[in-house]
Amino acid sequence: MWSTRIKATCVEKLGKCHHELGESYVFETPISYVEGMCLGIQDPARIWVTHCAASLPSWEGDNPEVYRIHCISKKGTVWKFERIDE
């Protein structure tokens, strides 16, 4: 059963995108879609949302509990995914 929420925060904007730096969204389940968040990041990040929820280490050397994922556009956004335990 899914009991962990994953917060996605826009941390870098490389070009045109309707998302702004600092915007955050929360994944309540690994298969839910988050209203207002572009599918260009939701779909490619889905596997990493699941990995983050399962506490599998990321490739980020400074913090293996955080994932940084780029949207599908080469001039899009970079998002930080992290567990939130509230």
PDB file of N, CA and C in Angstrom:
ATOM      1  N   MET A   1       0.835  -1.188   0.000  1.00  0.00           N
ATOM      2  CA  MET A   1       0.000   0.000   0.000  1.00  0.00           C
ATOM      3  C   MET A   1       0.876   1.246   0.000  1.00  0.00           C
ATOM      4  N   TRP A   2       0.519   2.192  -0.812  1.00  0.00           N
ATOM      5  CA  TRP A   2       1.248   3.455  -0.936  1.00  0.00           C
ATOM      6  C   TRP A   2       0.915   4.332   0.254  1.00  0.00           C
ATOM      7  N   SER A   3       1.918   4.755   0.984  1.00  0.00           N
ATOM      8  CA  SER A   3       1.667   5.630   2.125  1.00  0.00           C
ATOM      9  C   SER A   3       2.592   6.843   2.121  1.00  0.00           C
ATOM     10  N   THR A   4       3.418   6.958   1.114  1.00  0.00           N
ATOM     11  CA  THR A   4       4.379   8.046   1.037  1.00  0.00           C
ATOM     12  C   THR A   4       3.971   9.036  -0.037  1.00  0.00           C
ATOM     13  N   ARG A   5       4.091  10.290   0.279  1.00  0.00           N
ATOM     14  CA  ARG A   5       3.806  11.326  -0.702  1.00  0.00           C
ATOM     15  C   ARG A   5       5.131  11.832  -1.257  1.00  0.00           C
ATOM     16  N   ILE A   6       5.135  12.168  -2.540  1.00  0.00           N
ATOM     17  CA  ILE A   6       6.336  12.664  -3.200  1.00  0.00           C
ATOM     18  C   ILE A   6       6.083  14.080  -3.688  1.00  0.00           C
ATOM     19  N   LYS A   7       6.967  14.973  -3.285  1.00  0.00           N
ATOM     20  CA  LYS A   7       6.859  16.374  -3.685  1.00  0.00           C
ATOM     21  C   LYS A   7       7.792  16.626  -4.857  1.00  0.00           C
ATOM     22  N   ALA A   8       7.260  17.258  -5.895  1.00  0.00           N
ATOM     23  CA  ALA A   8       8.039  17.641  -7.069  1.00  0.00           C
ATOM     24  C   ALA A   8       8.108  19.166  -7.101  1.00  0.00           C
ATOM     25  N   THR A   9       9.322  19.698  -7.181  1.00  0.00           N
ATOM     26  CA  THR A   9       9.527  21.143  -7.183  1.00  0.00           C
ATOM     27  C   THR A   9      10.348  21.536  -8.402  1.00  0.00           C
ATOM     28  N   CYS A  10       9.904  22.550  -9.118  1.00  0.00           N
ATOM     29  CA  CYS A  10      10.642  23.049 -10.278  1.00  0.00           C
ATOM     30  C   CYS A  10      11.874  23.794  -9.772  1.00  0.00           C
ATOM     31  N   VAL A  11      13.060  23.305 -10.152  1.00  0.00           N
ATOM     32  CA  VAL A  11      14.308  23.898  -9.659  1.00  0.00           C
ATOM     33  C   VAL A  11      15.151  24.567 -10.750  1.00  0.00           C
ATOM     34  N   GLU A  12      14.760  24.359 -12.007  1.00  0.00           N
ATOM     35  CA  GLU A  12      15.503  24.971 -13.105  1.00  0.00           C
ATOM     36  C   GLU A  12      14.585  25.122 -14.303  1.00  0.00           C
ATOM     37  N   LYS A  13      14.676  26.259 -14.973  1.00  0.00           N
ATOM     38  CA  LYS A  13      13.862  26.519 -16.163  1.00  0.00           C
ATOM     39  C   LYS A  13      14.800  26.953 -17.274  1.00  0.00           C
ATOM     40  N   LEU A  14      14.835  26.176 -18.351  1.00  0.00           N
ATOM     41  CA  LEU A  14      15.815  26.396 -19.410  1.00  0.00           C
ATOM     42  C   LEU A  14      15.261  27.167 -20.605  1.00  0.00           C
ATOM     43  N   GLY A  15      13.968  27.259 -20.723  1.00  0.00           N
ATOM     44  CA  GLY A  15      13.370  27.932 -21.871  1.00  0.00           C
ATOM     45  C   GLY A  15      11.927  28.266 -21.600  1.00  0.00           C
ATOM     46  N   LYS A  16      11.106  28.152 -22.642  1.00  0.00           N
ATOM     47  CA  LYS A  16       9.684  28.455 -22.505  1.00  0.00           C
ATOM     48  C   LYS A  16       8.951  27.290 -21.866  1.00  0.00           C
ATOM     49  N   CYS A  17       8.194  27.595 -20.842  1.00  0.00           N
ATOM     50  CA  CYS A  17       7.402  26.599 -20.135  1.00  0.00           C
ATOM     51  C   CYS A  17       6.412  27.354 -19.262  1.00  0.00           C
ATOM     52  N   HIS A  18       5.231  26.799 -19.072  1.00  0.00           N
ATOM     53  CA  HIS A  18       4.264  27.509 -18.222  1.00  0.00           C
ATOM     54  C   HIS A  18       4.569  27.347 -16.735  1.00  0.00           C
ATOM     55  N   HIS A  19       5.437  26.426 -16.387  1.00  0.00           N
ATOM     56  CA  HIS A  19       5.822  26.260 -14.985  1.00  0.00           C
ATOM     57  C   HIS A  19       6.866  27.304 -14.606  1.00  0.00           C
ATOM     58  N   GLU A  20       6.865  27.681 -13.335  1.00  0.00           N
ATOM     59  CA  GLU A  20       7.809  28.672 -12.831  1.00  0.00           C
ATOM     60  C   GLU A  20       8.686  28.051 -11.749  1.00  0.00           C
ATOM     61  N   LEU A  21       9.867  28.611 -11.558  1.00  0.00           N
ATOM     62  CA  LEU A  21      10.766  28.139 -10.506  1.00  0.00           C
ATOM     63  C   LEU A  21      10.059  28.169  -9.157  1.00  0.00           C
ATOM     64  N   GLY A  22      10.259  27.119  -8.393  1.00  0.00           N
ATOM     65  CA  GLY A  22       9.673  27.045  -7.060  1.00  0.00           C
ATOM     66  C   GLY A  22       8.290  26.418  -7.006  1.00  0.00           C
ATOM     67  N   GLU A  23       7.637  26.262  -8.158  1.00  0.00           N
ATOM     68  CA  GLU A  23       6.325  25.600  -8.168  1.00  0.00           C
ATOM     69  C   GLU A  23       6.478  24.186  -7.643  1.00  0.00           C
ATOM     70  N   SER A  24       5.512  23.752  -6.845  1.00  0.00           N
ATOM     71  CA  SER A  24       5.557  22.400  -6.284  1.00  0.00           C
ATOM     72  C   SER A  24       4.223  21.692  -6.477  1.00  0.00           C
ATOM     73  N   TYR A  25       4.311  20.386  -6.636  1.00  0.00           N
ATOM     74  CA  TYR A  25       3.150  19.516  -6.768  1.00  0.00           C
ATOM     75  C   TYR A  25       3.412  18.269  -5.931  1.00  0.00           C
ATOM     76  N   VAL A  26       2.344  17.609  -5.513  1.00  0.00           N
ATOM     77  CA  VAL A  26       2.492  16.419  -4.686  1.00  0.00           C
ATOM     78  C   VAL A  26       1.828  15.230  -5.368  1.00  0.00           C
ATOM     79  N   PHE A  27       2.585  14.142  -5.483  1.00  0.00           N
ATOM     80  CA  PHE A  27       2.058  12.869  -5.971  1.00  0.00           C
ATOM     81  C   PHE A  27       1.512  12.117  -4.770  1.00  0.00           C
ATOM     82  N   GLU A  28       0.211  11.890  -4.760  1.00  0.00           N
ATOM     83  CA  GLU A  28      -0.430  11.159  -3.662  1.00  0.00           C
ATOM     84  C   GLU A  28      -0.278   9.651  -3.842  1.00  0.00           C
ATOM     85  N   THR A  29      -0.212   9.201  -5.083  1.00  0.00           N
ATOM     86  CA  THR A  29       0.022   7.791  -5.413  1.00  0.00           C
ATOM     87  C   THR A  29       0.951   7.756  -6.617  1.00  0.00           C
ATOM     88  N   PRO A  30       1.622   6.632  -6.864  1.00  0.00           N
ATOM     89  CA  PRO A  30       2.563   6.594  -7.996  1.00  0.00           C
ATOM     90  C   PRO A  30       1.869   6.618  -9.352  1.00  0.00           C
ATOM     91  N   ILE A  31       0.597   6.266  -9.402  1.00  0.00           N
ATOM     92  CA  ILE A  31      -0.079   6.222 -10.696  1.00  0.00           C
ATOM     93  C   ILE A  31      -1.050   7.376 -10.907  1.00  0.00           C
ATOM     94  N   SER A  32      -1.198   8.236  -9.912  1.00  0.00           N
ATOM     95  CA  SER A  32      -2.116   9.359 -10.068  1.00  0.00           C
ATOM     96  C   SER A  32      -1.474  10.439 -10.931  1.00  0.00           C
ATOM     97  N   TYR A  33      -2.323  11.199 -11.606  1.00  0.00           N
ATOM     98  CA  TYR A  33      -1.846  12.365 -12.332  1.00  0.00           C
ATOM     99  C   TYR A  33      -2.104  13.584 -11.478  1.00  0.00           C
ATOM    100  N   VAL A  34      -1.169  14.508 -11.495  1.00  0.00           N
ATOM    101  CA  VAL A  34      -1.247  15.696 -10.665  1.00  0.00           C
ATOM    102  C   VAL A  34      -1.806  16.830 -11.512  1.00  0.00           C
ATOM    103  N   GLU A  35      -2.962  17.323 -11.093  1.00  0.00           N
ATOM    104  CA  GLU A  35      -3.611  18.391 -11.845  1.00  0.00           C
ATOM    105  C   GLU A  35      -2.734  19.633 -11.894  1.00  0.00           C
ATOM    106  N   GLY A  36      -2.589  20.197 -13.090  1.00  0.00           N
ATOM    107  CA  GLY A  36      -1.810  21.414 -13.281  1.00  0.00           C
ATOM    108  C   GLY A  36      -0.363  21.172 -13.645  1.00  0.00           C
ATOM    109  N   MET A  37       0.116  19.962 -13.437  1.00  0.00           N
ATOM    110  CA  MET A  37       1.511  19.642 -13.761  1.00  0.00           C
ATOM    111  C   MET A  37       1.574  19.048 -15.167  1.00  0.00           C
ATOM    112  N   CYS A  38       2.481  19.564 -15.971  1.00  0.00           N
ATOM    113  CA  CYS A  38       2.639  19.143 -17.356  1.00  0.00           C
ATOM    114  C   CYS A  38       2.934  17.643 -17.468  1.00  0.00           C
ATOM    115  N   LEU A  39       2.304  17.000 -18.443  1.00  0.00           N
ATOM    116  CA  LEU A  39       2.567  15.577 -18.663  1.00  0.00           C
ATOM    117  C   LEU A  39       3.979  15.342 -19.185  1.00  0.00           C
ATOM    118  N   GLY A  40       4.624  16.399 -19.691  1.00  0.00           N
ATOM    119  CA  GLY A  40       5.995  16.290 -20.173  1.00  0.00           C
ATOM    120  C   GLY A  40       6.985  15.964 -19.068  1.00  0.00           C
ATOM    121  N   ILE A  41       6.610  16.176 -17.827  1.00  0.00           N
ATOM    122  CA  ILE A  41       7.451  15.758 -16.708  1.00  0.00           C
ATOM    123  C   ILE A  41       6.801  14.610 -15.947  1.00  0.00           C
ATOM    124  N   GLN A  42       5.482  14.600 -15.842  1.00  0.00           N
ATOM    125  CA  GLN A  42       4.825  13.534 -15.074  1.00  0.00           C
ATOM    126  C   GLN A  42       5.097  12.150 -15.655  1.00  0.00           C
ATOM    127  N   ASP A  43       4.944  12.003 -16.957  1.00  0.00           N
ATOM    128  CA  ASP A  43       5.114  10.681 -17.555  1.00  0.00           C
ATOM    129  C   ASP A  43       6.543  10.155 -17.462  1.00  0.00           C
ATOM    130  N   PRO A  44       7.571  10.934 -17.853  1.00  0.00           N
ATOM    131  CA  PRO A  44       8.929  10.388 -17.754  1.00  0.00           C
ATOM    132  C   PRO A  44       9.412  10.196 -16.315  1.00  0.00           C
ATOM    133  N   ALA A  45       8.844  10.941 -15.374  1.00  0.00           N
ATOM    134  CA  ALA A  45       9.288  10.843 -13.985  1.00  0.00           C
ATOM    135  C   ALA A  45       8.559   9.761 -13.197  1.00  0.00           C
ATOM    136  N   ARG A  46       7.524   9.173 -13.748  1.00  0.00           N
ATOM    137  CA  ARG A  46       6.692   8.222 -13.003  1.00  0.00           C
ATOM    138  C   ARG A  46       7.524   7.114 -12.343  1.00  0.00           C
ATOM    139  N   ILE A  47       8.458   6.526 -13.061  1.00  0.00           N
ATOM    140  CA  ILE A  47       9.277   5.449 -12.484  1.00  0.00           C
ATOM    141  C   ILE A  47      10.124   5.971 -11.327  1.00  0.00           C
ATOM    142  N   TRP A  48      10.599   7.208 -11.445  1.00  0.00           N
ATOM    143  CA  TRP A  48      11.451   7.771 -10.395  1.00  0.00           C
ATOM    144  C   TRP A  48      10.633   8.196  -9.178  1.00  0.00           C
ATOM    145  N   VAL A  49       9.366   8.538  -9.379  1.00  0.00           N
ATOM    146  CA  VAL A  49       8.467   8.805  -8.254  1.00  0.00           C
ATOM    147  C   VAL A  49       8.329   7.531  -7.424  1.00  0.00           C
ATOM    148  N   THR A  50       8.174   6.413  -8.100  1.00  0.00           N
ATOM    149  CA  THR A  50       8.052   5.125  -7.418  1.00  0.00           C
ATOM    150  C   THR A  50       9.343   4.765  -6.695  1.00  0.00           C
ATOM    151  N   HIS A  51      10.492   4.971  -7.354  1.00  0.00           N
ATOM    152  CA  HIS A  51      11.779   4.693  -6.718  1.00  0.00           C
ATOM    153  C   HIS A  51      11.984   5.572  -5.484  1.00  0.00           C
ATOM    154  N   CYS A  52      11.631   6.835  -5.598  1.00  0.00           N
ATOM    155  CA  CYS A  52      11.770   7.769  -4.486  1.00  0.00           C
ATOM    156  C   CYS A  52      10.890   7.327  -3.310  1.00  0.00           C
ATOM    157  N   ALA A  53       9.664   6.931  -3.600  1.00  0.00           N
ATOM    158  CA  ALA A  53       8.750   6.474  -2.548  1.00  0.00           C
ATOM    159  C   ALA A  53       9.268   5.220  -1.857  1.00  0.00           C
ATOM    160  N   ALA A  54       9.968   4.381  -2.611  1.00  0.00           N
ATOM    161  CA  ALA A  54      10.507   3.135  -2.059  1.00  0.00           C
ATOM    162  C   ALA A  54      11.861   3.334  -1.373  1.00  0.00           C
ATOM    163  N   SER A  55      12.329   4.570  -1.310  1.00  0.00           N
ATOM    164  CA  SER A  55      13.619   4.919  -0.694  1.00  0.00           C
ATOM    165  C   SER A  55      14.807   4.283  -1.404  1.00  0.00           C
ATOM    166  N   LEU A  56      14.677   4.062  -2.709  1.00  0.00           N
ATOM    167  CA  LEU A  56      15.821   3.577  -3.478  1.00  0.00           C
ATOM    168  C   LEU A  56      16.744   4.762  -3.738  1.00  0.00           C
ATOM    169  N   PRO A  57      18.052   4.591  -3.593  1.00  0.00           N
ATOM    170  CA  PRO A  57      18.960   5.733  -3.741  1.00  0.00           C
ATOM    171  C   PRO A  57      19.019   6.255  -5.170  1.00  0.00           C
ATOM    172  N   SER A  58      19.098   7.568  -5.278  1.00  0.00           N
ATOM    173  CA  SER A  58      19.232   8.198  -6.587  1.00  0.00           C
ATOM    174  C   SER A  58      20.711   8.310  -6.943  1.00  0.00           C
ATOM    175  N   TRP A  59      20.993   8.876  -8.064  1.00  0.00           N
ATOM    176  CA  TRP A  59      22.359   9.087  -8.536  1.00  0.00           C
ATOM    177  C   TRP A  59      22.918  10.407  -8.040  1.00  0.00           C
ATOM    178  N   GLU A  60      22.117  11.163  -7.282  1.00  0.00           N
ATOM    179  CA  GLU A  60      22.565  12.453  -6.769  1.00  0.00           C
ATOM    180  C   GLU A  60      23.566  12.232  -5.646  1.00  0.00           C
ATOM    181  N   GLY A  61      24.790  12.633  -5.842  1.00  0.00           N
ATOM    182  CA  GLY A  61      25.836  12.402  -4.857  1.00  0.00           C
ATOM    183  C   GLY A  61      25.643  13.144  -3.552  1.00  0.00           C
ATOM    184  N   ASP A  62      25.086  14.354  -3.637  1.00  0.00           N
ATOM    185  CA  ASP A  62      24.936  15.160  -2.425  1.00  0.00           C
ATOM    186  C   ASP A  62      23.771  14.709  -1.550  1.00  0.00           C
ATOM    187  N   ASN A  63      22.764  14.045  -2.143  1.00  0.00           N
ATOM    188  CA  ASN A  63      21.624  13.559  -1.366  1.00  0.00           C
ATOM    189  C   ASN A  63      20.945  12.418  -2.126  1.00  0.00           C
ATOM    190  N   PRO A  64      21.227  11.176  -1.763  1.00  0.00           N
ATOM    191  CA  PRO A  64      20.671  10.032  -2.497  1.00  0.00           C
ATOM    192  C   PRO A  64      19.170   9.836  -2.306  1.00  0.00           C
ATOM    193  N   GLU A  65      18.528  10.662  -1.485  1.00  0.00           N
ATOM    194  CA  GLU A  65      17.081  10.573  -1.295  1.00  0.00           C
ATOM    195  C   GLU A  65      16.318  11.507  -2.238  1.00  0.00           C
ATOM    196  N   VAL A  66      17.047  12.302  -3.015  1.00  0.00           N
ATOM    197  CA  VAL A  66      16.449  13.279  -3.920  1.00  0.00           C
ATOM    198  C   VAL A  66      16.764  12.892  -5.359  1.00  0.00           C
ATOM    199  N   TYR A  67      15.762  12.989  -6.216  1.00  0.00           N
ATOM    200  CA  TYR A  67      15.946  12.761  -7.646  1.00  0.00           C
ATOM    201  C   TYR A  67      15.772  14.084  -8.371  1.00  0.00           C
ATOM    202  N   ARG A  68      16.583  14.332  -9.383  1.00  0.00           N
ATOM    203  CA  ARG A  68      16.411  15.502 -10.246  1.00  0.00           C
ATOM    204  C   ARG A  68      16.149  14.975 -11.651  1.00  0.00           C
ATOM    205  N   ILE A  69      14.993  15.354 -12.189  1.00  0.00           N
ATOM    206  CA  ILE A  69      14.524  14.820 -13.467  1.00  0.00           C
ATOM    207  C   ILE A  69      14.222  15.967 -14.422  1.00  0.00           C
ATOM    208  N   HIS A  70      14.656  15.836 -15.664  1.00  0.00           N
ATOM    209  CA  HIS A  70      14.403  16.821 -16.707  1.00  0.00           C
ATOM    210  C   HIS A  70      13.146  16.436 -17.463  1.00  0.00           C
ATOM    211  N   CYS A  71      12.347  17.415 -17.830  1.00  0.00           N
ATOM    212  CA  CYS A  71      11.161  17.128 -18.640  1.00  0.00           C
ATOM    213  C   CYS A  71      11.605  16.688 -20.043  1.00  0.00           C
ATOM    214  N   ILE A  72      10.652  16.315 -20.871  1.00  0.00           N
ATOM    215  CA  ILE A  72      10.994  15.774 -22.190  1.00  0.00           C
ATOM    216  C   ILE A  72      11.504  16.825 -23.171  1.00  0.00           C
ATOM    217  N   SER A  73      11.285  18.094 -22.892  1.00  0.00           N
ATOM    218  CA  SER A  73      11.761  19.154 -23.768  1.00  0.00           C
ATOM    219  C   SER A  73      13.196  19.528 -23.415  1.00  0.00           C
ATOM    220  N   LYS A  74      14.057  19.637 -24.424  1.00  0.00           N
ATOM    221  CA  LYS A  74      15.443  20.011 -24.139  1.00  0.00           C
ATOM    222  C   LYS A  74      15.552  21.453 -23.633  1.00  0.00           C
ATOM    223  N   LYS A  75      14.506  22.240 -23.833  1.00  0.00           N
ATOM    224  CA  LYS A  75      14.478  23.611 -23.316  1.00  0.00           C
ATOM    225  C   LYS A  75      13.377  23.758 -22.272  1.00  0.00           C
ATOM    226  N   GLY A  76      13.173  22.724 -21.503  1.00  0.00           N
ATOM    227  CA  GLY A  76      12.095  22.715 -20.523  1.00  0.00           C
ATOM    228  C   GLY A  76      12.559  22.985 -19.113  1.00  0.00           C
ATOM    229  N   THR A  77      12.135  22.129 -18.209  1.00  0.00           N
ATOM    230  CA  THR A  77      12.374  22.335 -16.791  1.00  0.00           C
ATOM    231  C   THR A  77      13.061  21.135 -16.156  1.00  0.00           C
ATOM    232  N   VAL A  78      13.686  21.388 -15.010  1.00  0.00           N
ATOM    233  CA  VAL A  78      14.279  20.337 -14.184  1.00  0.00           C
ATOM    234  C   VAL A  78      13.517  20.355 -12.863  1.00  0.00           C
ATOM    235  N   TRP A  79      13.176  19.156 -12.388  1.00  0.00           N
ATOM    236  CA  TRP A  79      12.366  19.017 -11.175  1.00  0.00           C
ATOM    237  C   TRP A  79      13.095  18.195 -10.134  1.00  0.00           C
ATOM    238  N   LYS A  80      12.911  18.589  -8.880  1.00  0.00           N
ATOM    239  CA  LYS A  80      13.458  17.843  -7.753  1.00  0.00           C
ATOM    240  C   LYS A  80      12.308  17.037  -7.148  1.00  0.00           C
ATOM    241  N   PHE A  81      12.513  15.739  -7.005  1.00  0.00           N
ATOM    242  CA  PHE A  81      11.527  14.842  -6.406  1.00  0.00           C
ATOM    243  C   PHE A  81      12.071  14.355  -5.074  1.00  0.00           C
ATOM    244  N   GLU A  82      11.235  14.472  -4.022  1.00  0.00           N
ATOM    245  CA  GLU A  82      11.660  14.043  -2.701  1.00  0.00           C
ATOM    246  C   GLU A  82      10.466  13.553  -1.898  1.00  0.00           C
ATOM    247  N   ARG A  83      10.745  12.636  -0.984  1.00  0.00           N
ATOM    248  CA  ARG A  83       9.703  12.116  -0.090  1.00  0.00           C
ATOM    249  C   ARG A  83       9.320  13.197   0.902  1.00  0.00           C
ATOM    250  N   ILE A  84       8.041  13.238   1.230  1.00  0.00           N
ATOM    251  CA  ILE A  84       7.601  14.112   2.315  1.00  0.00           C
ATOM    252  C   ILE A  84       6.811  13.239   3.282  1.00  0.00           C
ATOM    253  N   ASP A  85       7.200  13.292   4.507  1.00  0.00           N
ATOM    254  CA  ASP A  85       6.553  12.492   5.540  1.00  0.00           C
ATOM    255  C   ASP A  85       5.827  13.437   6.485  1.00  0.00           C
ATOM    256  N   GLU A  86       4.553  13.618   6.199  1.00  0.00           N
ATOM    257  CA  GLU A  86       3.729  14.533   7.024  1.00  0.00           C
ATOM    258  C   GLU A  86       2.634  13.751   7.684  1.00  0.00           C
TER     259      GLU A  86
END
